[in-house]
Amino acid sequence: MIQAIIRKGQVFSEKIPAPAVSDGSLMIKVVNSCISVGTEGYMLRSSSKSSIRKSLENPEKIKKFFKKLKENGFASVYGKVVQMKQKDESATRMGMLVGYSISGIVVAVGKNVEG
């Protein structure tokens, strides 16, 4: 299966294993996939920026940071910042999957699917 992935400000196509059909789900052979200028465009632009750069570009995040710092103290806020940084680094390394709006042909049906 080929998947579009955004990583470090670029779009790549990568082969990934096809998913298995699980209970309550369908497998669809994708014929068309929409990659939107809004959602995926934002993901593409932001994927090349550090967490700090993203925060500096959003003054509301900075205000929220200082409010949480005042309310909860340094240790609590620092722990959350470290978690966010790790999540951001993981997304940068692994990439973000794109193309969530699809049309296609149902090729397999899992148990407990009605209609």
N, C-alpha and C. Protein backbone atom coordinates (compact mmCIF):
# COMPACT_ATOMS: atom_id res chain seq x y z
N MET A 1 0.85 -1.17 0.00
CA MET A 1 0.00 0.00 0.00
C MET A 1 0.90 1.23 0.00
N ILE A 2 0.52 2.26 -0.72
CA ILE A 2 1.27 3.51 -0.78
C ILE A 2 0.54 4.55 0.09
N GLN A 3 1.29 5.26 0.92
CA GLN A 3 0.73 6.27 1.82
C GLN A 3 1.49 7.57 1.65
N ALA A 4 0.77 8.69 1.53
CA ALA A 4 1.40 10.00 1.52
C ALA A 4 1.73 10.37 2.97
N ILE A 5 2.97 10.80 3.20
CA ILE A 5 3.44 11.13 4.55
C ILE A 5 4.17 12.47 4.50
N ILE A 6 3.84 13.36 5.44
CA ILE A 6 4.53 14.65 5.55
C ILE A 6 5.60 14.50 6.63
N ARG A 7 6.82 14.87 6.25
CA ARG A 7 7.93 14.81 7.20
C ARG A 7 8.90 15.94 6.88
N LYS A 8 9.20 16.75 7.89
CA LYS A 8 10.18 17.83 7.79
C LYS A 8 9.95 18.74 6.58
N GLY A 9 8.71 19.15 6.39
CA GLY A 9 8.38 20.12 5.35
C GLY A 9 8.31 19.55 3.95
N GLN A 10 8.27 18.23 3.80
CA GLN A 10 8.17 17.61 2.48
C GLN A 10 7.13 16.49 2.50
N VAL A 11 6.60 16.18 1.31
CA VAL A 11 5.65 15.08 1.17
C VAL A 11 6.36 13.91 0.50
N PHE A 12 6.24 12.74 1.11
CA PHE A 12 6.84 11.52 0.58
C PHE A 12 5.75 10.50 0.33
N SER A 13 5.97 9.61 -0.61
CA SER A 13 5.09 8.45 -0.75
C SER A 13 5.90 7.25 -0.30
N GLU A 14 5.32 6.48 0.62
CA GLU A 14 6.03 5.33 1.17
C GLU A 14 5.15 4.10 1.14
N LYS A 15 5.78 2.96 0.90
CA LYS A 15 5.06 1.69 0.99
C LYS A 15 4.92 1.33 2.46
N ILE A 16 3.69 1.02 2.85
CA ILE A 16 3.43 0.57 4.21
C ILE A 16 2.58 -0.69 4.13
N PRO A 17 2.57 -1.51 5.18
CA PRO A 17 1.75 -2.73 5.16
C PRO A 17 0.25 -2.38 5.09
N ALA A 18 -0.49 -3.14 4.32
CA ALA A 18 -1.94 -2.94 4.25
C ALA A 18 -2.55 -3.33 5.59
N PRO A 19 -3.54 -2.58 6.05
CA PRO A 19 -4.18 -2.91 7.32
C PRO A 19 -5.05 -4.16 7.18
N ALA A 20 -5.30 -4.83 8.29
CA ALA A 20 -6.21 -5.96 8.33
C ALA A 20 -7.62 -5.44 8.58
N VAL A 21 -8.61 -6.17 8.11
CA VAL A 21 -9.99 -5.80 8.37
C VAL A 21 -10.35 -6.28 9.77
N SER A 22 -10.77 -5.38 10.62
CA SER A 22 -11.14 -5.74 11.99
C SER A 22 -12.65 -5.68 12.14
N ASP A 23 -13.14 -6.19 13.27
CA ASP A 23 -14.58 -6.15 13.55
C ASP A 23 -15.10 -4.72 13.48
N GLY A 24 -16.23 -4.57 12.84
CA GLY A 24 -16.87 -3.25 12.77
C GLY A 24 -16.23 -2.30 11.78
N SER A 25 -15.39 -2.81 10.87
CA SER A 25 -14.73 -1.91 9.92
C SER A 25 -14.83 -2.44 8.48
N LEU A 26 -14.49 -1.58 7.56
CA LEU A 26 -14.45 -1.92 6.14
C LEU A 26 -13.05 -1.70 5.62
N MET A 27 -12.68 -2.44 4.57
CA MET A 27 -11.45 -2.12 3.86
C MET A 27 -11.87 -1.55 2.51
N ILE A 28 -11.33 -0.39 2.20
CA ILE A 28 -11.69 0.31 0.97
C ILE A 28 -10.45 0.47 0.11
N LYS A 29 -10.57 0.06 -1.16
CA LYS A 29 -9.51 0.33 -2.13
C LYS A 29 -9.71 1.77 -2.58
N VAL A 30 -8.77 2.62 -2.22
CA VAL A 30 -8.90 4.05 -2.49
C VAL A 30 -8.73 4.31 -3.98
N VAL A 31 -9.70 5.02 -4.54
CA VAL A 31 -9.64 5.44 -5.94
C VAL A 31 -9.23 6.91 -6.01
N ASN A 32 -9.78 7.71 -5.10
CA ASN A 32 -9.46 9.14 -5.03
C ASN A 32 -9.25 9.53 -3.58
N SER A 33 -8.32 10.45 -3.36
CA SER A 33 -8.08 10.97 -2.02
C SER A 33 -7.87 12.47 -2.13
N CYS A 34 -8.53 13.21 -1.26
CA CYS A 34 -8.40 14.66 -1.27
C CYS A 34 -7.32 15.08 -0.28
N ILE A 35 -6.38 15.83 -0.74
CA ILE A 35 -5.39 16.43 0.14
C ILE A 35 -5.69 17.93 0.12
N SER A 36 -6.21 18.43 1.23
CA SER A 36 -6.71 19.80 1.26
C SER A 36 -5.59 20.82 1.47
N VAL A 37 -5.78 21.96 0.89
CA VAL A 37 -4.84 23.06 1.05
C VAL A 37 -4.85 23.53 2.50
N GLY A 38 -6.01 23.45 3.15
CA GLY A 38 -6.10 23.91 4.53
C GLY A 38 -5.40 22.99 5.50
N THR A 39 -5.97 21.81 5.73
CA THR A 39 -5.44 20.89 6.75
C THR A 39 -4.04 20.41 6.42
N GLU A 40 -3.89 19.75 5.29
CA GLU A 40 -2.58 19.20 4.95
C GLU A 40 -1.57 20.30 4.60
N GLY A 41 -2.05 21.40 4.05
CA GLY A 41 -1.15 22.53 3.79
C GLY A 41 -0.56 23.06 5.08
N TYR A 42 -1.40 23.17 6.11
CA TYR A 42 -0.92 23.61 7.42
C TYR A 42 0.08 22.60 7.99
N MET A 43 -0.26 21.30 7.88
CA MET A 43 0.64 20.26 8.39
C MET A 43 1.99 20.33 7.68
N LEU A 44 1.97 20.56 6.39
CA LEU A 44 3.21 20.64 5.61
C LEU A 44 4.06 21.82 6.08
N ARG A 45 3.42 22.98 6.22
CA ARG A 45 4.18 24.17 6.65
C ARG A 45 4.70 24.03 8.08
N SER A 46 3.89 23.47 8.96
CA SER A 46 4.31 23.39 10.36
C SER A 46 5.28 22.25 10.64
N SER A 47 5.36 21.26 9.75
CA SER A 47 6.21 20.10 10.01
C SER A 47 7.70 20.43 9.98
N SER A 48 8.04 21.56 9.38
CA SER A 48 9.46 21.93 9.33
C SER A 48 9.85 22.89 10.45
N LYS A 49 8.88 23.23 11.33
CA LYS A 49 9.15 24.18 12.41
C LYS A 49 9.28 23.46 13.74
N SER A 50 10.13 23.99 14.61
CA SER A 50 10.28 23.44 15.95
C SER A 50 9.07 23.84 16.81
N SER A 51 8.89 23.14 17.92
CA SER A 51 7.81 23.47 18.85
C SER A 51 7.93 24.90 19.36
N ILE A 52 9.16 25.33 19.61
CA ILE A 52 9.39 26.69 20.10
C ILE A 52 8.98 27.70 19.05
N ARG A 53 9.37 27.47 17.80
CA ARG A 53 9.00 28.38 16.70
C ARG A 53 7.49 28.45 16.56
N LYS A 54 6.80 27.31 16.64
CA LYS A 54 5.34 27.30 16.52
C LYS A 54 4.71 28.10 17.65
N SER A 55 5.24 27.96 18.86
CA SER A 55 4.71 28.69 20.00
C SER A 55 4.94 30.19 19.86
N LEU A 56 6.13 30.57 19.41
CA LEU A 56 6.44 31.99 19.24
C LEU A 56 5.54 32.65 18.19
N GLU A 57 5.09 31.87 17.22
CA GLU A 57 4.21 32.40 16.19
C GLU A 57 2.76 32.46 16.64
N ASN A 58 2.48 31.94 17.84
CA ASN A 58 1.12 31.95 18.37
C ASN A 58 1.13 32.56 19.77
N PRO A 59 0.92 33.87 19.87
CA PRO A 59 0.98 34.56 21.16
C PRO A 59 0.03 33.97 22.21
N GLU A 60 -1.09 33.40 21.79
CA GLU A 60 -2.03 32.81 22.75
C GLU A 60 -1.39 31.63 23.48
N LYS A 61 -0.55 30.86 22.79
CA LYS A 61 0.14 29.75 23.44
C LYS A 61 1.13 30.25 24.49
N ILE A 62 1.76 31.36 24.21
CA ILE A 62 2.71 31.94 25.17
C ILE A 62 1.96 32.43 26.40
N LYS A 63 0.82 33.09 26.20
CA LYS A 63 0.00 33.54 27.33
C LYS A 63 -0.46 32.35 28.17
N LYS A 64 -0.90 31.28 27.48
CA LYS A 64 -1.35 30.09 28.18
C LYS A 64 -0.21 29.46 28.99
N PHE A 65 1.00 29.45 28.39
CA PHE A 65 2.17 28.91 29.08
C PHE A 65 2.41 29.65 30.40
N PHE A 66 2.43 30.99 30.36
CA PHE A 66 2.71 31.76 31.57
C PHE A 66 1.58 31.66 32.59
N LYS A 67 0.34 31.52 32.11
CA LYS A 67 -0.78 31.34 33.02
C LYS A 67 -0.63 30.00 33.76
N LYS A 68 -0.33 28.93 33.02
CA LYS A 68 -0.13 27.61 33.63
C LYS A 68 1.07 27.62 34.58
N LEU A 69 2.11 28.34 34.20
CA LEU A 69 3.30 28.46 35.04
C LEU A 69 2.94 29.09 36.38
N LYS A 70 2.14 30.14 36.34
CA LYS A 70 1.72 30.84 37.56
C LYS A 70 0.80 29.96 38.41
N GLU A 71 -0.12 29.24 37.76
CA GLU A 71 -1.10 28.43 38.48
C GLU A 71 -0.52 27.12 39.03
N ASN A 72 0.34 26.45 38.24
CA ASN A 72 0.76 25.09 38.57
C ASN A 72 2.23 24.94 38.96
N GLY A 73 3.01 25.97 38.74
CA GLY A 73 4.43 25.90 39.09
C GLY A 73 5.29 25.35 37.96
N PHE A 74 6.59 25.57 38.12
CA PHE A 74 7.57 25.24 37.09
C PHE A 74 7.61 23.75 36.77
N ALA A 75 7.66 22.89 37.78
CA ALA A 75 7.83 21.45 37.57
C ALA A 75 6.70 20.87 36.72
N SER A 76 5.47 21.27 37.02
CA SER A 76 4.31 20.77 36.28
C SER A 76 4.35 21.21 34.82
N VAL A 77 4.63 22.48 34.60
CA VAL A 77 4.68 23.03 33.24
C VAL A 77 5.85 22.45 32.47
N TYR A 78 6.99 22.31 33.12
CA TYR A 78 8.16 21.74 32.46
C TYR A 78 7.88 20.31 31.98
N GLY A 79 7.20 19.52 32.83
CA GLY A 79 6.85 18.15 32.45
C GLY A 79 5.98 18.11 31.21
N LYS A 80 5.01 19.01 31.12
CA LYS A 80 4.13 19.07 29.96
C LYS A 80 4.88 19.52 28.71
N VAL A 81 5.79 20.47 28.87
CA VAL A 81 6.60 20.94 27.74
C VAL A 81 7.47 19.81 27.19
N VAL A 82 8.07 19.03 28.09
CA VAL A 82 8.89 17.89 27.67
C VAL A 82 8.05 16.87 26.91
N GLN A 83 6.83 16.59 27.42
CA GLN A 83 5.94 15.66 26.74
C GLN A 83 5.59 16.16 25.34
N MET A 84 5.26 17.44 25.22
CA MET A 84 4.90 18.02 23.92
C MET A 84 6.09 17.94 22.96
N LYS A 85 7.28 18.23 23.47
CA LYS A 85 8.47 18.19 22.63
C LYS A 85 8.73 16.77 22.13
N GLN A 86 8.57 15.78 23.00
CA GLN A 86 8.76 14.39 22.60
C GLN A 86 7.73 13.98 21.55
N LYS A 87 6.50 14.38 21.73
CA LYS A 87 5.44 14.08 20.77
C LYS A 87 5.75 14.73 19.42
N ASP A 88 6.19 15.99 19.46
CA ASP A 88 6.52 16.72 18.24
C ASP A 88 7.70 16.06 17.52
N GLU A 89 8.73 15.67 18.27
CA GLU A 89 9.90 15.01 17.67
C GLU A 89 9.52 13.67 17.06
N SER A 90 8.63 12.95 17.73
CA SER A 90 8.18 11.66 17.20
C SER A 90 7.41 11.85 15.90
N ALA A 91 6.52 12.85 15.86
CA ALA A 91 5.77 13.12 14.63
C ALA A 91 6.70 13.55 13.51
N THR A 92 7.73 14.32 13.85
CA THR A 92 8.69 14.76 12.84
C THR A 92 9.46 13.57 12.29
N ARG A 93 9.87 12.68 13.18
CA ARG A 93 10.67 11.51 12.77
C ARG A 93 9.80 10.52 11.98
N MET A 94 8.61 10.22 12.49
CA MET A 94 7.74 9.23 11.88
C MET A 94 6.99 9.80 10.67
N GLY A 95 6.64 11.05 10.75
CA GLY A 95 5.86 11.67 9.69
C GLY A 95 4.38 11.67 10.05
N MET A 96 3.61 12.47 9.33
CA MET A 96 2.17 12.57 9.54
C MET A 96 1.47 12.02 8.31
N LEU A 97 0.52 11.12 8.53
CA LEU A 97 -0.23 10.53 7.43
C LEU A 97 -1.23 11.55 6.90
N VAL A 98 -1.38 11.61 5.59
CA VAL A 98 -2.32 12.56 4.98
C VAL A 98 -3.25 11.84 4.02
N GLY A 99 -4.33 12.53 3.67
CA GLY A 99 -5.30 11.98 2.73
C GLY A 99 -6.42 11.26 3.44
N TYR A 100 -7.16 11.98 4.29
CA TYR A 100 -8.20 11.36 5.09
C TYR A 100 -9.57 11.37 4.42
N SER A 101 -9.74 12.16 3.39
CA SER A 101 -11.03 12.27 2.71
C SER A 101 -10.93 11.45 1.42
N ILE A 102 -11.56 10.28 1.40
CA ILE A 102 -11.36 9.35 0.30
C ILE A 102 -12.67 8.89 -0.33
N SER A 103 -12.55 8.34 -1.53
CA SER A 103 -13.63 7.59 -2.15
C SER A 103 -13.00 6.36 -2.77
N GLY A 104 -13.77 5.28 -2.82
CA GLY A 104 -13.21 4.06 -3.36
C GLY A 104 -14.21 2.93 -3.41
N ILE A 105 -13.68 1.72 -3.44
CA ILE A 105 -14.49 0.51 -3.58
C ILE A 105 -14.27 -0.36 -2.34
N VAL A 106 -15.37 -0.82 -1.74
CA VAL A 106 -15.28 -1.70 -0.58
C VAL A 106 -14.78 -3.06 -1.08
N VAL A 107 -13.66 -3.53 -0.50
CA VAL A 107 -13.08 -4.81 -0.93
C VAL A 107 -13.16 -5.87 0.17
N ALA A 108 -13.44 -5.48 1.42
CA ALA A 108 -13.60 -6.44 2.50
C ALA A 108 -14.48 -5.83 3.59
N VAL A 109 -15.26 -6.69 4.25
CA VAL A 109 -16.16 -6.24 5.30
C VAL A 109 -15.87 -7.03 6.58
N GLY A 110 -15.64 -6.33 7.67
CA GLY A 110 -15.39 -6.99 8.95
C GLY A 110 -16.69 -7.45 9.58
N LYS A 111 -16.58 -8.26 10.62
CA LYS A 111 -17.74 -8.74 11.35
C LYS A 111 -18.49 -7.56 11.98
N ASN A 112 -19.77 -7.75 12.18
CA ASN A 112 -20.63 -6.77 12.85
C ASN A 112 -20.81 -5.46 12.08
N VAL A 113 -20.64 -5.50 10.77
CA VAL A 113 -20.90 -4.33 9.93
C VAL A 113 -22.27 -4.51 9.30
N GLU A 114 -23.12 -3.51 9.48
CA GLU A 114 -24.46 -3.58 8.91
C GLU A 114 -24.64 -2.52 7.86
N GLY A 115 -25.54 -2.79 6.91
CA GLY A 115 -25.87 -1.80 5.88
C GLY A 115 -25.02 -1.98 4.74
